[in-house]
Amino acid sequence: RVERIRHEDGRVIIDELRYAGQTQSIKVQPK
């Protein structure tokens, strides 16, 4: 399973990519 998870708050946007339950990459975009 491939999961793309996005967390967003007032200061940053965090995009996480998981493959088979293991985190492959985390990208952080400050606002």
PDB file of all heavy atoms in Angstrom:
ATOM      1  N   ARG A   1       0.830  -1.199   0.000  1.00  0.00           N
ATOM      2  CA  ARG A   1       0.000   0.000   0.000  1.00  0.00           C
ATOM      3  C   ARG A   1       0.872   1.259   0.000  1.00  0.00           C
ATOM      4  O   ARG A   1       1.848   1.358   0.726  1.00  0.00           O
ATOM      5  CB  ARG A   1      -0.902  -0.003   1.222  1.00  0.00           C
ATOM      6  CG  ARG A   1      -1.841   1.162   1.273  1.00  0.00           C
ATOM      7  CD  ARG A   1      -2.843   1.044   2.354  1.00  0.00           C
ATOM      8  NE  ARG A   1      -2.235   0.618   3.606  1.00  0.00           N
ATOM      9  CZ  ARG A   1      -2.915   0.218   4.644  1.00  0.00           C
ATOM     10  NH1 ARG A   1      -4.223   0.168   4.599  1.00  0.00           N
ATOM     11  NH2 ARG A   1      -2.313  -0.160   5.743  1.00  0.00           N
ATOM     12  N   VAL A   2       0.499   2.228  -0.833  1.00  0.00           N
ATOM     13  CA  VAL A   2       1.153   3.526  -0.881  1.00  0.00           C
ATOM     14  C   VAL A   2       0.210   4.541  -0.253  1.00  0.00           C
ATOM     15  O   VAL A   2      -0.954   4.628  -0.626  1.00  0.00           O
ATOM     16  CB  VAL A   2       1.476   3.931  -2.336  1.00  0.00           C
ATOM     17  CG1 VAL A   2       2.061   5.328  -2.382  1.00  0.00           C
ATOM     18  CG2 VAL A   2       2.419   2.922  -2.966  1.00  0.00           C
ATOM     19  N   GLU A   3       0.710   5.303   0.726  1.00  0.00           N
ATOM     20  CA  GLU A   3      -0.112   6.295   1.415  1.00  0.00           C
ATOM     21  C   GLU A   3       0.542   7.667   1.285  1.00  0.00           C
ATOM     22  O   GLU A   3       1.742   7.810   1.500  1.00  0.00           O
ATOM     23  CB  GLU A   3      -0.233   5.955   2.903  1.00  0.00           C
ATOM     24  CG  GLU A   3      -0.897   4.632   3.170  1.00  0.00           C
ATOM     25  CD  GLU A   3      -0.853   4.267   4.633  1.00  0.00           C
ATOM     26  OE1 GLU A   3       0.245   4.253   5.205  1.00  0.00           O
ATOM     27  OE2 GLU A   3      -1.928   4.023   5.188  1.00  0.00           O
ATOM     28  N   ARG A   4      -0.253   8.654   0.909  1.00  0.00           N
ATOM     29  CA  ARG A   4       0.198  10.038   0.876  1.00  0.00           C
ATOM     30  C   ARG A   4      -0.588  10.793   1.933  1.00  0.00           C
ATOM     31  O   ARG A   4      -1.804  10.913   1.834  1.00  0.00           O
ATOM     32  CB  ARG A   4      -0.029  10.629  -0.501  1.00  0.00           C
ATOM     33  CG  ARG A   4       0.904  10.042  -1.536  1.00  0.00           C
ATOM     34  CD  ARG A   4       0.635  10.620  -2.913  1.00  0.00           C
ATOM     35  NE  ARG A   4       1.620  10.171  -3.868  1.00  0.00           N
ATOM     36  CZ  ARG A   4       1.564   9.011  -4.513  1.00  0.00           C
ATOM     37  NH1 ARG A   4       0.562   8.196  -4.281  1.00  0.00           N
ATOM     38  NH2 ARG A   4       2.496   8.671  -5.367  1.00  0.00           N
ATOM     39  N   ILE A   5       0.119  11.299   2.933  1.00  0.00           N
ATOM     40  CA  ILE A   5      -0.529  11.950   4.068  1.00  0.00           C
ATOM     41  C   ILE A   5      -0.113  13.417   4.074  1.00  0.00           C
ATOM     42  O   ILE A   5       1.072  13.738   3.943  1.00  0.00           O
ATOM     43  CB  ILE A   5      -0.117  11.276   5.398  1.00  0.00           C
ATOM     44  CG1 ILE A   5      -0.434   9.785   5.334  1.00  0.00           C
ATOM     45  CG2 ILE A   5      -0.809  11.940   6.570  1.00  0.00           C
ATOM     46  CD1 ILE A   5       0.151   8.986   6.459  1.00  0.00           C
ATOM     47  N   ARG A   6      -1.091  14.318   4.239  1.00  0.00           N
ATOM     48  CA  ARG A   6      -0.807  15.757   4.274  1.00  0.00           C
ATOM     49  C   ARG A   6      -1.295  16.329   5.602  1.00  0.00           C
ATOM     50  O   ARG A   6      -2.456  16.177   5.968  1.00  0.00           O
ATOM     51  CB  ARG A   6      -1.498  16.467   3.128  1.00  0.00           C
ATOM     52  CG  ARG A   6      -1.332  17.977   3.194  1.00  0.00           C
ATOM     53  CD  ARG A   6      -1.879  18.624   1.981  1.00  0.00           C
ATOM     54  NE  ARG A   6      -0.788  18.631   1.016  1.00  0.00           N
ATOM     55  CZ  ARG A   6      -0.622  19.577   0.113  1.00  0.00           C
ATOM     56  NH1 ARG A   6      -1.476  20.540   0.006  1.00  0.00           N
ATOM     57  NH2 ARG A   6       0.394  19.528  -0.706  1.00  0.00           N
ATOM     58  N   HIS A   7      -0.371  16.988   6.316  1.00  0.00           N
ATOM     59  CA  HIS A   7      -0.693  17.700   7.549  1.00  0.00           C
ATOM     60  C   HIS A   7      -0.454  19.179   7.270  1.00  0.00           C
ATOM     61  O   HIS A   7       0.551  19.543   6.669  1.00  0.00           O
ATOM     62  CB  HIS A   7       0.208  17.264   8.716  1.00  0.00           C
ATOM     63  CG  HIS A   7       0.074  15.821   9.067  1.00  0.00           C
ATOM     64  ND1 HIS A   7      -0.943  15.349   9.838  1.00  0.00           N
ATOM     65  CD2 HIS A   7       0.830  14.743   8.740  1.00  0.00           C
ATOM     66  CE1 HIS A   7      -0.809  14.035   9.975  1.00  0.00           C
ATOM     67  NE2 HIS A   7       0.262  13.650   9.321  1.00  0.00           N
ATOM     68  N   GLU A   8      -1.380  20.006   7.730  1.00  0.00           N
ATOM     69  CA  GLU A   8      -1.248  21.431   7.480  1.00  0.00           C
ATOM     70  C   GLU A   8      -1.685  22.202   8.720  1.00  0.00           C
ATOM     71  O   GLU A   8      -2.688  21.880   9.348  1.00  0.00           O
ATOM     72  CB  GLU A   8      -2.124  21.822   6.283  1.00  0.00           C
ATOM     73  CG  GLU A   8      -1.996  23.255   5.872  1.00  0.00           C
ATOM     74  CD  GLU A   8      -2.731  23.548   4.591  1.00  0.00           C
ATOM     75  OE1 GLU A   8      -3.161  22.608   3.899  1.00  0.00           O
ATOM     76  OE2 GLU A   8      -2.875  24.742   4.284  1.00  0.00           O
ATOM     77  N   ASP A   9      -0.877  23.206   9.080  1.00  0.00           N
ATOM     78  CA  ASP A   9      -1.287  24.100  10.160  1.00  0.00           C
ATOM     79  C   ASP A   9      -1.004  25.528   9.702  1.00  0.00           C
ATOM     80  O   ASP A   9      -0.830  25.781   8.516  1.00  0.00           O
ATOM     81  CB  ASP A   9      -0.607  23.748  11.482  1.00  0.00           C
ATOM     82  CG  ASP A   9       0.894  23.922  11.472  1.00  0.00           C
ATOM     83  OD1 ASP A   9       1.434  24.457  10.488  1.00  0.00           O
ATOM     84  OD2 ASP A   9       1.540  23.541  12.457  1.00  0.00           O
ATOM     85  N   GLY A  10      -0.947  26.461  10.604  1.00  0.00           N
ATOM     86  CA  GLY A  10      -0.780  27.856  10.251  1.00  0.00           C
ATOM     87  C   GLY A  10       0.601  28.212   9.732  1.00  0.00           C
ATOM     88  O   GLY A  10       0.778  29.250   9.102  1.00  0.00           O
ATOM     89  N   ARG A  11       1.596  27.358   9.976  1.00  0.00           N
ATOM     90  CA  ARG A  11       2.972  27.696   9.600  1.00  0.00           C
ATOM     91  C   ARG A  11       3.579  26.815   8.527  1.00  0.00           C
ATOM     92  O   ARG A  11       4.452  27.272   7.789  1.00  0.00           O
ATOM     93  CB  ARG A  11       3.855  27.683  10.838  1.00  0.00           C
ATOM     94  CG  ARG A  11       3.398  28.697  11.865  1.00  0.00           C
ATOM     95  CD  ARG A  11       4.294  28.846  13.048  1.00  0.00           C
ATOM     96  NE  ARG A  11       5.059  27.663  13.403  1.00  0.00           N
ATOM     97  CZ  ARG A  11       5.712  27.521  14.529  1.00  0.00           C
ATOM     98  NH1 ARG A  11       5.675  28.483  15.421  1.00  0.00           N
ATOM     99  NH2 ARG A  11       6.382  26.433  14.792  1.00  0.00           N
ATOM    100  N   VAL A  12       3.190  25.534   8.440  1.00  0.00           N
ATOM    101  CA  VAL A  12       3.830  24.628   7.481  1.00  0.00           C
ATOM    102  C   VAL A  12       2.821  23.666   6.855  1.00  0.00           C
ATOM    103  O   VAL A  12       1.742  23.432   7.392  1.00  0.00           O
ATOM    104  CB  VAL A  12       4.952  23.779   8.138  1.00  0.00           C
ATOM    105  CG1 VAL A  12       6.087  24.638   8.615  1.00  0.00           C
ATOM    106  CG2 VAL A  12       4.417  22.929   9.241  1.00  0.00           C
ATOM    107  N   ILE A  13       3.216  23.106   5.712  1.00  0.00           N
ATOM    108  CA  ILE A  13       2.498  22.001   5.074  1.00  0.00           C
ATOM    109  C   ILE A  13       3.484  20.836   5.028  1.00  0.00           C
ATOM    110  O   ILE A  13       4.599  20.973   4.534  1.00  0.00           O
ATOM    111  CB  ILE A  13       2.056  22.355   3.648  1.00  0.00           C
ATOM    112  CG1 ILE A  13       1.101  23.546   3.668  1.00  0.00           C
ATOM    113  CG2 ILE A  13       1.406  21.147   2.978  1.00  0.00           C
ATOM    114  CD1 ILE A  13       0.773  24.078   2.292  1.00  0.00           C
ATOM    115  N   ILE A  14       3.078  19.689   5.559  1.00  0.00           N
ATOM    116  CA  ILE A  14       3.946  18.511   5.606  1.00  0.00           C
ATOM    117  C   ILE A  14       3.306  17.419   4.766  1.00  0.00           C
ATOM    118  O   ILE A  14       2.176  17.013   5.010  1.00  0.00           O
ATOM    119  CB  ILE A  14       4.139  18.019   7.049  1.00  0.00           C
ATOM    120  CG1 ILE A  14       4.743  19.128   7.905  1.00  0.00           C
ATOM    121  CG2 ILE A  14       5.016  16.765   7.069  1.00  0.00           C
ATOM    122  CD1 ILE A  14       4.759  18.827   9.373  1.00  0.00           C
ATOM    123  N   ASP A  15       4.039  16.954   3.738  1.00  0.00           N
ATOM    124  CA  ASP A  15       3.590  15.852   2.894  1.00  0.00           C
ATOM    125  C   ASP A  15       4.459  14.639   3.196  1.00  0.00           C
ATOM    126  O   ASP A  15       5.688  14.712   3.100  1.00  0.00           O
ATOM    127  CB  ASP A  15       3.701  16.212   1.410  1.00  0.00           C
ATOM    128  CG  ASP A  15       2.712  17.279   1.007  1.00  0.00           C
ATOM    129  OD1 ASP A  15       1.538  17.157   1.408  1.00  0.00           O
ATOM    130  OD2 ASP A  15       3.097  18.215   0.292  1.00  0.00           O
ATOM    131  N   GLU A  16       3.821  13.522   3.553  1.00  0.00           N
ATOM    132  CA  GLU A  16       4.540  12.294   3.903  1.00  0.00           C
ATOM    133  C   GLU A  16       4.153  11.198   2.924  1.00  0.00           C
ATOM    134  O   GLU A  16       2.984  11.041   2.586  1.00  0.00           O
ATOM    135  CB  GLU A  16       4.189  11.878   5.323  1.00  0.00           C
ATOM    136  CG  GLU A  16       4.898  10.630   5.778  1.00  0.00           C
ATOM    137  CD  GLU A  16       4.556  10.261   7.214  1.00  0.00           C
ATOM    138  OE1 GLU A  16       3.840  11.015   7.887  1.00  0.00           O
ATOM    139  OE2 GLU A  16       5.003   9.189   7.644  1.00  0.00           O
ATOM    140  N   LEU A  17       5.132  10.448   2.452  1.00  0.00           N
ATOM    141  CA  LEU A  17       4.907   9.319   1.562  1.00  0.00           C
ATOM    142  C   LEU A  17       5.310   8.048   2.289  1.00  0.00           C
ATOM    143  O   LEU A  17       6.439   7.929   2.773  1.00  0.00           O
ATOM    144  CB  LEU A  17       5.721   9.466   0.281  1.00  0.00           C
ATOM    145  CG  LEU A  17       5.663   8.299  -0.690  1.00  0.00           C
ATOM    146  CD1 LEU A  17       4.257   8.147  -1.261  1.00  0.00           C
ATOM    147  CD2 LEU A  17       6.667   8.472  -1.797  1.00  0.00           C
ATOM    148  N   ARG A  18       4.365   7.108   2.404  1.00  0.00           N
ATOM    149  CA  ARG A  18       4.640   5.815   3.038  1.00  0.00           C
ATOM    150  C   ARG A  18       4.408   4.706   2.030  1.00  0.00           C
ATOM    151  O   ARG A  18       3.438   4.721   1.289  1.00  0.00           O
ATOM    152  CB  ARG A  18       3.716   5.577   4.225  1.00  0.00           C
ATOM    153  CG  ARG A  18       3.983   6.458   5.397  1.00  0.00           C
ATOM    154  CD  ARG A  18       3.077   6.107   6.535  1.00  0.00           C
ATOM    155  NE  ARG A  18       3.223   7.051   7.635  1.00  0.00           N
ATOM    156  CZ  ARG A  18       2.486   7.044   8.704  1.00  0.00           C
ATOM    157  NH1 ARG A  18       1.536   6.151   8.851  1.00  0.00           N
ATOM    158  NH2 ARG A  18       2.675   7.939   9.634  1.00  0.00           N
ATOM    159  N   TYR A  19       5.302   3.738   2.024  1.00  0.00           N
ATOM    160  CA  TYR A  19       5.174   2.557   1.183  1.00  0.00           C
ATOM    161  C   TYR A  19       5.252   1.351   2.098  1.00  0.00           C
ATOM    162  O   TYR A  19       6.223   1.181   2.825  1.00  0.00           O
ATOM    163  CB  TYR A  19       6.287   2.513   0.136  1.00  0.00           C
ATOM    164  CG  TYR A  19       6.241   1.281  -0.738  1.00  0.00           C
ATOM    165  CD1 TYR A  19       5.270   1.148  -1.721  1.00  0.00           C
ATOM    166  CD2 TYR A  19       7.147   0.254  -0.576  1.00  0.00           C
ATOM    167  CE1 TYR A  19       5.221   0.031  -2.525  1.00  0.00           C
ATOM    168  CE2 TYR A  19       7.106  -0.872  -1.369  1.00  0.00           C
ATOM    169  CZ  TYR A  19       6.136  -0.981  -2.339  1.00  0.00           C
ATOM    170  OH  TYR A  19       6.074  -2.094  -3.124  1.00  0.00           O
ATOM    171  N   ALA A  20       4.210   0.532   2.090  1.00  0.00           N
ATOM    172  CA  ALA A  20       4.119  -0.667   2.934  1.00  0.00           C
ATOM    173  C   ALA A  20       4.270  -0.310   4.410  1.00  0.00           C
ATOM    174  O   ALA A  20       4.887  -1.036   5.170  1.00  0.00           O
ATOM    175  CB  ALA A  20       5.154  -1.706   2.514  1.00  0.00           C
ATOM    176  N   GLY A  21       3.735   0.849   4.821  1.00  0.00           N
ATOM    177  CA  GLY A  21       3.776   1.250   6.215  1.00  0.00           C
ATOM    178  C   GLY A  21       5.073   1.905   6.648  1.00  0.00           C
ATOM    179  O   GLY A  21       5.184   2.376   7.771  1.00  0.00           O
ATOM    180  N   GLN A  22       6.080   1.959   5.773  1.00  0.00           N
ATOM    181  CA  GLN A  22       7.368   2.563   6.093  1.00  0.00           C
ATOM    182  C   GLN A  22       7.458   3.944   5.449  1.00  0.00           C
ATOM    183  O   GLN A  22       7.169   4.110   4.269  1.00  0.00           O
ATOM    184  CB  GLN A  22       8.519   1.693   5.576  1.00  0.00           C
ATOM    185  CG  GLN A  22       8.552   0.306   6.160  1.00  0.00           C
ATOM    186  CD  GLN A  22       8.876   0.320   7.633  1.00  0.00           C
ATOM    187  OE1 GLN A  22       9.725   1.076   8.088  1.00  0.00           O
ATOM    188  NE2 GLN A  22       8.197  -0.516   8.398  1.00  0.00           N
ATOM    189  N   THR A  23       7.879   4.945   6.208  1.00  0.00           N
ATOM    190  CA  THR A  23       8.013   6.298   5.673  1.00  0.00           C
ATOM    191  C   THR A  23       9.158   6.335   4.682  1.00  0.00           C
ATOM    192  O   THR A  23      10.281   5.936   4.982  1.00  0.00           O
ATOM    193  CB  THR A  23       8.276   7.298   6.815  1.00  0.00           C
ATOM    194  OG1 THR A  23       7.176   7.246   7.720  1.00  0.00           O
ATOM    195  CG2 THR A  23       8.434   8.703   6.280  1.00  0.00           C
ATOM    196  N   GLN A  24       8.865   6.824   3.470  1.00  0.00           N
ATOM    197  CA  GLN A  24       9.871   6.937   2.426  1.00  0.00           C
ATOM    198  C   GLN A  24      10.403   8.366   2.326  1.00  0.00           C
ATOM    199  O   GLN A  24      11.589   8.566   2.116  1.00  0.00           O
ATOM    200  CB  GLN A  24       9.297   6.505   1.074  1.00  0.00           C
ATOM    201  CG  GLN A  24       8.849   5.065   1.038  1.00  0.00           C
ATOM    202  CD  GLN A  24       9.976   4.089   1.275  1.00  0.00           C
ATOM    203  OE1 GLN A  24      11.044   4.207   0.692  1.00  0.00           O
ATOM    204  NE2 GLN A  24       9.759   3.127   2.152  1.00  0.00           N
ATOM    205  N   SER A  25       9.516   9.353   2.433  1.00  0.00           N
ATOM    206  CA  SER A  25       9.961  10.742   2.376  1.00  0.00           C
ATOM    207  C   SER A  25       8.986  11.629   3.126  1.00  0.00           C
ATOM    208  O   SER A  25       7.804  11.337   3.223  1.00  0.00           O
ATOM    209  CB  SER A  25      10.097  11.214   0.928  1.00  0.00           C
ATOM    210  OG  SER A  25       8.821  11.311   0.328  1.00  0.00           O
ATOM    211  N   ILE A  26       9.531  12.738   3.637  1.00  0.00           N
ATOM    212  CA  ILE A  26       8.742  13.758   4.312  1.00  0.00           C
ATOM    213  C   ILE A  26       9.185  15.096   3.736  1.00  0.00           C
ATOM    214  O   ILE A  26      10.368  15.444   3.808  1.00  0.00           O
ATOM    215  CB  ILE A  26       8.967  13.748   5.838  1.00  0.00           C
ATOM    216  CG1 ILE A  26       8.599  12.392   6.420  1.00  0.00           C
ATOM    217  CG2 ILE A  26       8.177  14.868   6.493  1.00  0.00           C
ATOM    218  CD1 ILE A  26       9.000  12.220   7.864  1.00  0.00           C
ATOM    219  N   LYS A  27       8.254  15.835   3.132  1.00  0.00           N
ATOM    220  CA  LYS A  27       8.560  17.140   2.562  1.00  0.00           C
ATOM    221  C   LYS A  27       7.851  18.210   3.373  1.00  0.00           C
ATOM    222  O   LYS A  27       6.661  18.113   3.641  1.00  0.00           O
ATOM    223  CB  LYS A  27       8.127  17.201   1.104  1.00  0.00           C
ATOM    224  CG  LYS A  27       8.907  16.243   0.239  1.00  0.00           C
ATOM    225  CD  LYS A  27       8.465  16.269  -1.195  1.00  0.00           C
ATOM    226  CE  LYS A  27       9.250  15.214  -1.965  1.00  0.00           C
ATOM    227  NZ  LYS A  27       8.750  15.041  -3.311  1.00  0.00           N
ATOM    228  N   VAL A  28       8.606  19.249   3.753  1.00  0.00           N
ATOM    229  CA  VAL A  28       8.081  20.325   4.584  1.00  0.00           C
ATOM    230  C   VAL A  28       8.144  21.623   3.789  1.00  0.00           C
ATOM    231  O   VAL A  28       9.206  21.990   3.282  1.00  0.00           O
ATOM    232  CB  VAL A  28       8.898  20.462   5.893  1.00  0.00           C
ATOM    233  CG1 VAL A  28       8.353  21.595   6.740  1.00  0.00           C
ATOM    234  CG2 VAL A  28       8.901  19.146   6.651  1.00  0.00           C
ATOM    235  N   GLN A  29       7.002  22.303   3.660  1.00  0.00           N
ATOM    236  CA  GLN A  29       6.928  23.584   2.966  1.00  0.00           C
ATOM    237  C   GLN A  29       6.453  24.643   3.960  1.00  0.00           C
ATOM    238  O   GLN A  29       5.280  24.685   4.302  1.00  0.00           O
ATOM    239  CB  GLN A  29       5.961  23.502   1.783  1.00  0.00           C
ATOM    240  CG  GLN A  29       5.720  24.831   1.088  1.00  0.00           C
ATOM    241  CD  GLN A  29       6.974  25.383   0.437  1.00  0.00           C
ATOM    242  OE1 GLN A  29       7.615  24.698  -0.338  1.00  0.00           O
ATOM    243  NE2 GLN A  29       7.336  26.592   0.783  1.00  0.00           N
ATOM    244  N   PRO A  30       7.360  25.498   4.449  1.00  0.00           N
ATOM    245  CA  PRO A  30       6.933  26.568   5.345  1.00  0.00           C
ATOM    246  C   PRO A  30       6.065  27.578   4.593  1.00  0.00           C
ATOM    247  O   PRO A  30       6.273  27.837   3.416  1.00  0.00           O
ATOM    248  CB  PRO A  30       8.251  27.210   5.795  1.00  0.00           C
ATOM    249  CG  PRO A  30       9.296  26.184   5.514  1.00  0.00           C
ATOM    250  CD  PRO A  30       8.807  25.422   4.337  1.00  0.00           C
ATOM    251  N   LYS A  31       5.111  28.178   5.283  1.00  0.00           N
ATOM    252  CA  LYS A  31       4.211  29.137   4.652  1.00  0.00           C
ATOM    253  C   LYS A  31       4.754  30.570   4.707  1.00  0.00           C
ATOM    254  O   LYS A  31       4.177  31.457   4.114  1.00  0.00           O
ATOM    255  CB  LYS A  31       2.838  29.089   5.330  1.00  0.00           C
ATOM    256  CG  LYS A  31       2.088  27.816   5.049  1.00  0.00           C
ATOM    257  CD  LYS A  31       0.707  27.877   5.641  1.00  0.00           C
ATOM    258  CE  LYS A  31      -0.082  26.633   5.301  1.00  0.00           C
ATOM    259  NZ  LYS A  31      -1.423  26.687   5.891  1.00  0.00           N
TER     260      LYS A  31
END
